[in-house]
Amino acid sequence: MSDANHEPEPHIGWLRAILTAAAIVVVGIAVCVYGANAMLTKFKSIDRHQQVALATTIFFVGLFAIAWALRILQRRKII
């Protein structure tokens, strides 16, 4: 097979990699930590065990959403 029709992989520079990593960390902290905290302040009427379950669920859903978004960005060769 010929490599004439094959496009080269895009090169991601160090600056873009650092900025992407910083953005991912900021979004991850905002979603996983501050998102769970914001929901807990709204639901003060539930008991401690339900608060722990709610915070844990929000944290892991946010973590899954970030991993899913990273996979989509990776598939599109953005990161």
PDB file of N, CA and C in Angstrom:
ATOM      1  N   MET A   1       0.824  -1.181   0.000  1.00  0.00           N
ATOM      2  CA  MET A   1       0.000   0.000   0.000  1.00  0.00           C
ATOM      3  C   MET A   1       0.870   1.247   0.000  1.00  0.00           C
ATOM      4  N   SER A   2       0.340   2.250  -0.569  1.00  0.00           N
ATOM      5  CA  SER A   2       1.062   3.499  -0.685  1.00  0.00           C
ATOM      6  C   SER A   2       0.679   4.441   0.456  1.00  0.00           C
ATOM      7  N   ASP A   3       1.649   5.201   0.900  1.00  0.00           N
ATOM      8  CA  ASP A   3       1.399   6.196   1.932  1.00  0.00           C
ATOM      9  C   ASP A   3       1.063   7.559   1.337  1.00  0.00           C
ATOM     10  N   ALA A   4       0.847   7.624   0.041  1.00  0.00           N
ATOM     11  CA  ALA A   4       0.574   8.904  -0.609  1.00  0.00           C
ATOM     12  C   ALA A   4      -0.770   9.481  -0.172  1.00  0.00           C
ATOM     13  N   ASN A   5      -1.762   8.638   0.108  1.00  0.00           N
ATOM     14  CA  ASN A   5      -3.089   9.121   0.505  1.00  0.00           C
ATOM     15  C   ASN A   5      -3.225   9.273   2.016  1.00  0.00           C
ATOM     16  N   HIS A   6      -2.206   8.887   2.751  1.00  0.00           N
ATOM     17  CA  HIS A   6      -2.262   8.947   4.209  1.00  0.00           C
ATOM     18  C   HIS A   6      -1.836  10.333   4.680  1.00  0.00           C
ATOM     19  N   GLU A   7      -2.736  10.990   5.462  1.00  0.00           N
ATOM     20  CA  GLU A   7      -2.414  12.309   5.997  1.00  0.00           C
ATOM     21  C   GLU A   7      -1.586  12.154   7.269  1.00  0.00           C
ATOM     22  N   PRO A   8      -0.607  13.012   7.452  1.00  0.00           N
ATOM     23  CA  PRO A   8       0.196  12.917   8.675  1.00  0.00           C
ATOM     24  C   PRO A   8      -0.630  13.301   9.906  1.00  0.00           C
ATOM     25  N   GLU A   9      -0.275  12.706  11.035  1.00  0.00           N
ATOM     26  CA  GLU A   9      -0.957  13.013  12.290  1.00  0.00           C
ATOM     27  C   GLU A   9      -0.660  14.467  12.672  1.00  0.00           C
ATOM     28  N   PRO A  10      -1.652  15.199  13.161  1.00  0.00           N
ATOM     29  CA  PRO A  10      -1.376  16.581  13.580  1.00  0.00           C
ATOM     30  C   PRO A  10      -0.474  16.598  14.812  1.00  0.00           C
ATOM     31  N   HIS A  11       0.435  17.528  14.840  1.00  0.00           N
ATOM     32  CA  HIS A  11       1.380  17.651  15.944  1.00  0.00           C
ATOM     33  C   HIS A  11       0.819  18.645  16.953  1.00  0.00           C
ATOM     34  N   ILE A  12       0.758  18.233  18.199  1.00  0.00           N
ATOM     35  CA  ILE A  12       0.291  19.111  19.265  1.00  0.00           C
ATOM     36  C   ILE A  12       1.519  19.639  19.981  1.00  0.00           C
ATOM     37  N   GLY A  13       1.641  20.953  20.028  1.00  0.00           N
ATOM     38  CA  GLY A  13       2.801  21.573  20.667  1.00  0.00           C
ATOM     39  C   GLY A  13       2.684  21.563  22.181  1.00  0.00           C
ATOM     40  N   TRP A  14       3.797  21.923  22.834  1.00  0.00           N
ATOM     41  CA  TRP A  14       3.827  21.930  24.290  1.00  0.00           C
ATOM     42  C   TRP A  14       2.863  22.949  24.874  1.00  0.00           C
ATOM     43  N   LEU A  15       2.764  24.119  24.280  1.00  0.00           N
ATOM     44  CA  LEU A  15       1.876  25.156  24.798  1.00  0.00           C
ATOM     45  C   LEU A  15       0.430  24.693  24.760  1.00  0.00           C
ATOM     46  N   ARG A  16       0.029  24.106  23.656  1.00  0.00           N
ATOM     47  CA  ARG A  16      -1.342  23.612  23.536  1.00  0.00           C
ATOM     48  C   ARG A  16      -1.593  22.471  24.522  1.00  0.00           C
ATOM     49  N   ALA A  17      -0.626  21.608  24.714  1.00  0.00           N
ATOM     50  CA  ALA A  17      -0.783  20.498  25.658  1.00  0.00           C
ATOM     51  C   ALA A  17      -0.921  21.007  27.089  1.00  0.00           C
ATOM     52  N   ILE A  18      -0.123  22.003  27.462  1.00  0.00           N
ATOM     53  CA  ILE A  18      -0.197  22.566  28.812  1.00  0.00           C
ATOM     54  C   ILE A  18      -1.518  23.283  29.031  1.00  0.00           C
ATOM     55  N   LEU A  19      -1.955  24.069  28.052  1.00  0.00           N
ATOM     56  CA  LEU A  19      -3.224  24.778  28.180  1.00  0.00           C
ATOM     57  C   LEU A  19      -4.409  23.816  28.228  1.00  0.00           C
ATOM     58  N   THR A  20      -4.356  22.760  27.441  1.00  0.00           N
ATOM     59  CA  THR A  20      -5.412  21.761  27.465  1.00  0.00           C
ATOM     60  C   THR A  20      -5.463  21.056  28.808  1.00  0.00           C
ATOM     61  N   ALA A  21      -4.312  20.687  29.339  1.00  0.00           N
ATOM     62  CA  ALA A  21      -4.264  20.021  30.639  1.00  0.00           C
ATOM     63  C   ALA A  21      -4.782  20.933  31.747  1.00  0.00           C
ATOM     64  N   ALA A  22      -4.425  22.208  31.698  1.00  0.00           N
ATOM     65  CA  ALA A  22      -4.903  23.156  32.702  1.00  0.00           C
ATOM     66  C   ALA A  22      -6.416  23.324  32.624  1.00  0.00           C
ATOM     67  N   ALA A  23      -6.957  23.395  31.414  1.00  0.00           N
ATOM     68  CA  ALA A  23      -8.403  23.528  31.248  1.00  0.00           C
ATOM     69  C   ALA A  23      -9.132  22.291  31.766  1.00  0.00           C
ATOM     70  N   ILE A  24      -8.569  21.130  31.510  1.00  0.00           N
ATOM     71  CA  ILE A  24      -9.184  19.884  31.973  1.00  0.00           C
ATOM     72  C   ILE A  24      -9.181  19.814  33.497  1.00  0.00           C
ATOM     73  N   VAL A  25      -8.095  20.227  34.120  1.00  0.00           N
ATOM     74  CA  VAL A  25      -8.021  20.221  35.584  1.00  0.00           C
ATOM     75  C   VAL A  25      -9.028  21.198  36.183  1.00  0.00           C
ATOM     76  N   VAL A  26      -9.129  22.382  35.615  1.00  0.00           N
ATOM     77  CA  VAL A  26     -10.069  23.385  36.126  1.00  0.00           C
ATOM     78  C   VAL A  26     -11.508  22.897  35.990  1.00  0.00           C
ATOM     79  N   VAL A  27     -11.861  22.368  34.842  1.00  0.00           N
ATOM     80  CA  VAL A  27     -13.220  21.852  34.644  1.00  0.00           C
ATOM     81  C   VAL A  27     -13.472  20.656  35.560  1.00  0.00           C
ATOM     82  N   GLY A  28     -12.488  19.801  35.719  1.00  0.00           N
ATOM     83  CA  GLY A  28     -12.642  18.639  36.589  1.00  0.00           C
ATOM     84  C   GLY A  28     -12.888  19.033  38.032  1.00  0.00           C
ATOM     85  N   ILE A  29     -12.144  20.003  38.533  1.00  0.00           N
ATOM     86  CA  ILE A  29     -12.351  20.465  39.904  1.00  0.00           C
ATOM     87  C   ILE A  29     -13.717  21.117  40.042  1.00  0.00           C
ATOM     88  N   ALA A  30     -14.077  21.933  39.075  1.00  0.00           N
ATOM     89  CA  ALA A  30     -15.366  22.618  39.143  1.00  0.00           C
ATOM     90  C   ALA A  30     -16.527  21.633  39.144  1.00  0.00           C
ATOM     91  N   VAL A  31     -16.471  20.644  38.283  1.00  0.00           N
ATOM     92  CA  VAL A  31     -17.581  19.694  38.183  1.00  0.00           C
ATOM     93  C   VAL A  31     -17.606  18.748  39.374  1.00  0.00           C
ATOM     94  N   CYS A  32     -16.489  18.153  39.678  1.00  0.00           N
ATOM     95  CA  CYS A  32     -16.472  17.093  40.701  1.00  0.00           C
ATOM     96  C   CYS A  32     -16.552  17.624  42.125  1.00  0.00           C
ATOM     97  N   VAL A  33     -15.879  18.706  42.418  1.00  0.00           N
ATOM     98  CA  VAL A  33     -15.836  19.189  43.796  1.00  0.00           C
ATOM     99  C   VAL A  33     -16.890  20.260  44.037  1.00  0.00           C
ATOM    100  N   TYR A  34     -16.839  21.330  43.264  1.00  0.00           N
ATOM    101  CA  TYR A  34     -17.757  22.430  43.506  1.00  0.00           C
ATOM    102  C   TYR A  34     -19.192  22.088  43.099  1.00  0.00           C
ATOM    103  N   GLY A  35     -19.344  21.246  42.104  1.00  0.00           N
ATOM    104  CA  GLY A  35     -20.692  20.815  41.717  1.00  0.00           C
ATOM    105  C   GLY A  35     -21.349  20.000  42.811  1.00  0.00           C
ATOM    106  N   ALA A  36     -20.607  19.086  43.393  1.00  0.00           N
ATOM    107  CA  ALA A  36     -21.144  18.281  44.496  1.00  0.00           C
ATOM    108  C   ALA A  36     -21.427  19.160  45.707  1.00  0.00           C
ATOM    109  N   ASN A  37     -20.555  20.096  46.001  1.00  0.00           N
ATOM    110  CA  ASN A  37     -20.761  20.996  47.135  1.00  0.00           C
ATOM    111  C   ASN A  37     -21.990  21.879  46.917  1.00  0.00           C
ATOM    112  N   ALA A  38     -22.179  22.362  45.713  1.00  0.00           N
ATOM    113  CA  ALA A  38     -23.338  23.204  45.429  1.00  0.00           C
ATOM    114  C   ALA A  38     -24.644  22.438  45.597  1.00  0.00           C
ATOM    115  N   MET A  39     -24.649  21.196  45.188  1.00  0.00           N
ATOM    116  CA  MET A  39     -25.864  20.395  45.353  1.00  0.00           C
ATOM    117  C   MET A  39     -26.134  20.100  46.826  1.00  0.00           C
ATOM    118  N   LEU A  40     -25.095  19.886  47.609  1.00  0.00           N
ATOM    119  CA  LEU A  40     -25.286  19.605  49.030  1.00  0.00           C
ATOM    120  C   LEU A  40     -25.832  20.807  49.792  1.00  0.00           C
ATOM    121  N   THR A  41     -25.468  21.999  49.372  1.00  0.00           N
ATOM    122  CA  THR A  41     -25.991  23.179  50.052  1.00  0.00           C
ATOM    123  C   THR A  41     -27.474  23.385  49.747  1.00  0.00           C
ATOM    124  N   LYS A  42     -27.943  22.861  48.626  1.00  0.00           N
ATOM    125  CA  LYS A  42     -29.366  22.980  48.289  1.00  0.00           C
ATOM    126  C   LYS A  42     -30.212  21.944  49.014  1.00  0.00           C
ATOM    127  N   PHE A  43     -29.645  20.793  49.334  1.00  0.00           N
ATOM    128  CA  PHE A  43     -30.382  19.702  49.959  1.00  0.00           C
ATOM    129  C   PHE A  43     -29.984  19.555  51.426  1.00  0.00           C
ATOM    130  N   LYS A  44     -30.351  20.515  52.237  1.00  0.00           N
ATOM    131  CA  LYS A  44     -30.012  20.456  53.659  1.00  0.00           C
ATOM    132  C   LYS A  44     -31.011  19.625  54.455  1.00  0.00           C
ATOM    133  N   SER A  45     -32.147  19.309  53.866  1.00  0.00           N
ATOM    134  CA  SER A  45     -33.177  18.591  54.606  1.00  0.00           C
ATOM    135  C   SER A  45     -32.929  17.079  54.650  1.00  0.00           C
ATOM    136  N   ILE A  46     -31.971  16.581  53.875  1.00  0.00           N
ATOM    137  CA  ILE A  46     -31.716  15.139  53.883  1.00  0.00           C
ATOM    138  C   ILE A  46     -30.674  14.804  54.948  1.00  0.00           C
ATOM    139  N   ASP A  47     -30.689  13.557  55.418  1.00  0.00           N
ATOM    140  CA  ASP A  47     -29.765  13.174  56.485  1.00  0.00           C
ATOM    141  C   ASP A  47     -28.345  12.948  55.949  1.00  0.00           C
ATOM    142  N   ARG A  48     -27.429  12.682  56.845  1.00  0.00           N
ATOM    143  CA  ARG A  48     -26.003  12.592  56.510  1.00  0.00           C
ATOM    144  C   ARG A  48     -25.703  11.488  55.498  1.00  0.00           C
ATOM    145  N   HIS A  49     -26.306  10.319  55.657  1.00  0.00           N
ATOM    146  CA  HIS A  49     -26.037   9.207  54.742  1.00  0.00           C
ATOM    147  C   HIS A  49     -26.520   9.525  53.326  1.00  0.00           C
ATOM    148  N   GLN A  50     -27.637  10.191  53.216  1.00  0.00           N
ATOM    149  CA  GLN A  50     -28.132  10.581  51.895  1.00  0.00           C
ATOM    150  C   GLN A  50     -27.256  11.664  51.289  1.00  0.00           C
ATOM    151  N   GLN A  51     -26.735  12.563  52.113  1.00  0.00           N
ATOM    152  CA  GLN A  51     -25.816  13.585  51.604  1.00  0.00           C
ATOM    153  C   GLN A  51     -24.534  12.958  51.064  1.00  0.00           C
ATOM    154  N   VAL A  52     -24.000  11.974  51.781  1.00  0.00           N
ATOM    155  CA  VAL A  52     -22.793  11.283  51.332  1.00  0.00           C
ATOM    156  C   VAL A  52     -23.059  10.562  50.014  1.00  0.00           C
ATOM    157  N   ALA A  53     -24.199   9.894  49.923  1.00  0.00           N
ATOM    158  CA  ALA A  53     -24.550   9.179  48.686  1.00  0.00           C
ATOM    159  C   ALA A  53     -24.718  10.152  47.527  1.00  0.00           C
ATOM    160  N   LEU A  54     -25.360  11.284  47.784  1.00  0.00           N
ATOM    161  CA  LEU A  54     -25.565  12.283  46.736  1.00  0.00           C
ATOM    162  C   LEU A  54     -24.235  12.874  46.275  1.00  0.00           C
ATOM    163  N   ALA A  55     -23.370  13.233  47.220  1.00  0.00           N
ATOM    164  CA  ALA A  55     -22.072  13.817  46.857  1.00  0.00           C
ATOM    165  C   ALA A  55     -21.212  12.816  46.099  1.00  0.00           C
ATOM    166  N   THR A  56     -21.231  11.572  46.525  1.00  0.00           N
ATOM    167  CA  THR A  56     -20.450  10.532  45.849  1.00  0.00           C
ATOM    168  C   THR A  56     -20.967  10.303  44.438  1.00  0.00           C
ATOM    169  N   THR A  57     -22.279  10.263  44.284  1.00  0.00           N
ATOM    170  CA  THR A  57     -22.877  10.073  42.955  1.00  0.00           C
ATOM    171  C   THR A  57     -22.529  11.224  42.024  1.00  0.00           C
ATOM    172  N   ILE A  58     -22.661  12.445  42.519  1.00  0.00           N
ATOM    173  CA  ILE A  58     -22.342  13.618  41.689  1.00  0.00           C
ATOM    174  C   ILE A  58     -20.866  13.613  41.306  1.00  0.00           C
ATOM    175  N   PHE A  59     -19.998  13.267  42.251  1.00  0.00           N
ATOM    176  CA  PHE A  59     -18.566  13.223  41.969  1.00  0.00           C
ATOM    177  C   PHE A  59     -18.253  12.221  40.864  1.00  0.00           C
ATOM    178  N   PHE A  60     -18.785  11.007  40.975  1.00  0.00           N
ATOM    179  CA  PHE A  60     -18.444   9.982  39.983  1.00  0.00           C
ATOM    180  C   PHE A  60     -19.134  10.211  38.644  1.00  0.00           C
ATOM    181  N   VAL A  61     -20.324  10.795  38.639  1.00  0.00           N
ATOM    182  CA  VAL A  61     -20.960  11.151  37.365  1.00  0.00           C
ATOM    183  C   VAL A  61     -20.142  12.233  36.668  1.00  0.00           C
ATOM    184  N   GLY A  62     -19.667  13.214  37.431  1.00  0.00           N
ATOM    185  CA  GLY A  62     -18.807  14.253  36.856  1.00  0.00           C
ATOM    186  C   GLY A  62     -17.505  13.685  36.337  1.00  0.00           C
ATOM    187  N   LEU A  63     -16.922  12.768  37.089  1.00  0.00           N
ATOM    188  CA  LEU A  63     -15.678  12.126  36.656  1.00  0.00           C
ATOM    189  C   LEU A  63     -15.889  11.324  35.373  1.00  0.00           C
ATOM    190  N   PHE A  64     -17.001  10.595  35.297  1.00  0.00           N
ATOM    191  CA  PHE A  64     -17.331   9.841  34.084  1.00  0.00           C
ATOM    192  C   PHE A  64     -17.557  10.779  32.903  1.00  0.00           C
ATOM    193  N   ALA A  65     -18.245  11.900  33.136  1.00  0.00           N
ATOM    194  CA  ALA A  65     -18.500  12.860  32.060  1.00  0.00           C
ATOM    195  C   ALA A  65     -17.194  13.451  31.522  1.00  0.00           C
ATOM    196  N   ILE A  66     -16.260  13.736  32.416  1.00  0.00           N
ATOM    197  CA  ILE A  66     -14.972  14.269  31.976  1.00  0.00           C
ATOM    198  C   ILE A  66     -14.208  13.227  31.171  1.00  0.00           C
ATOM    199  N   ALA A  67     -14.203  11.979  31.632  1.00  0.00           N
ATOM    200  CA  ALA A  67     -13.518  10.915  30.893  1.00  0.00           C
ATOM    201  C   ALA A  67     -14.146  10.706  29.526  1.00  0.00           C
ATOM    202  N   TRP A  68     -15.464  10.764  29.465  1.00  0.00           N
ATOM    203  CA  TRP A  68     -16.174  10.603  28.187  1.00  0.00           C
ATOM    204  C   TRP A  68     -15.836  11.757  27.240  1.00  0.00           C
ATOM    205  N   ALA A  69     -15.836  12.985  27.769  1.00  0.00           N
ATOM    206  CA  ALA A  69     -15.494  14.146  26.940  1.00  0.00           C
ATOM    207  C   ALA A  69     -14.055  14.068  26.449  1.00  0.00           C
ATOM    208  N   LEU A  70     -13.146  13.620  27.303  1.00  0.00           N
ATOM    209  CA  LEU A  70     -11.751  13.467  26.883  1.00  0.00           C
ATOM    210  C   LEU A  70     -11.618  12.431  25.784  1.00  0.00           C
ATOM    211  N   ARG A  71     -12.377  11.370  25.880  1.00  0.00           N
ATOM    212  CA  ARG A  71     -12.328  10.330  24.837  1.00  0.00           C
ATOM    213  C   ARG A  71     -12.827  10.873  23.507  1.00  0.00           C
ATOM    214  N   ILE A  72     -13.882  11.675  23.536  1.00  0.00           N
ATOM    215  CA  ILE A  72     -14.389  12.287  22.297  1.00  0.00           C
ATOM    216  C   ILE A  72     -13.348  13.248  21.715  1.00  0.00           C
ATOM    217  N   LEU A  73     -12.746  14.065  22.554  1.00  0.00           N
ATOM    218  CA  LEU A  73     -11.711  14.994  22.079  1.00  0.00           C
ATOM    219  C   LEU A  73     -10.512  14.232  21.518  1.00  0.00           C
ATOM    220  N   GLN A  74     -10.174  13.112  22.142  1.00  0.00           N
ATOM    221  CA  GLN A  74      -9.059  12.302  21.659  1.00  0.00           C
ATOM    222  C   GLN A  74      -9.384  11.674  20.325  1.00  0.00           C
ATOM    223  N   ARG A  75     -10.611  11.181  20.151  1.00  0.00           N
ATOM    224  CA  ARG A  75     -11.015  10.559  18.905  1.00  0.00           C
ATOM    225  C   ARG A  75     -10.993  11.567  17.750  1.00  0.00           C
ATOM    226  N   ARG A  76     -11.346  12.807  18.043  1.00  0.00           N
ATOM    227  CA  ARG A  76     -11.332  13.859  17.013  1.00  0.00           C
ATOM    228  C   ARG A  76      -9.969  14.479  16.818  1.00  0.00           C
ATOM    229  N   LYS A  77      -8.972  13.971  17.553  1.00  0.00           N
ATOM    230  CA  LYS A  77      -7.578  14.410  17.474  1.00  0.00           C
ATOM    231  C   LYS A  77      -7.410  15.882  17.863  1.00  0.00           C
ATOM    232  N   ILE A  78      -8.230  16.318  18.839  1.00  0.00           N
ATOM    233  CA  ILE A  78      -8.093  17.672  19.362  1.00  0.00           C
ATOM    234  C   ILE A  78      -7.050  17.682  20.465  1.00  0.00           C
ATOM    235  N   ILE A  79      -7.006  16.590  21.239  1.00  0.00           N
ATOM    236  CA  ILE A  79      -5.982  16.472  22.269  1.00  0.00           C
ATOM    237  C   ILE A  79      -5.196  15.198  22.040  1.00  0.00           C
TER     238      ILE A  79
END
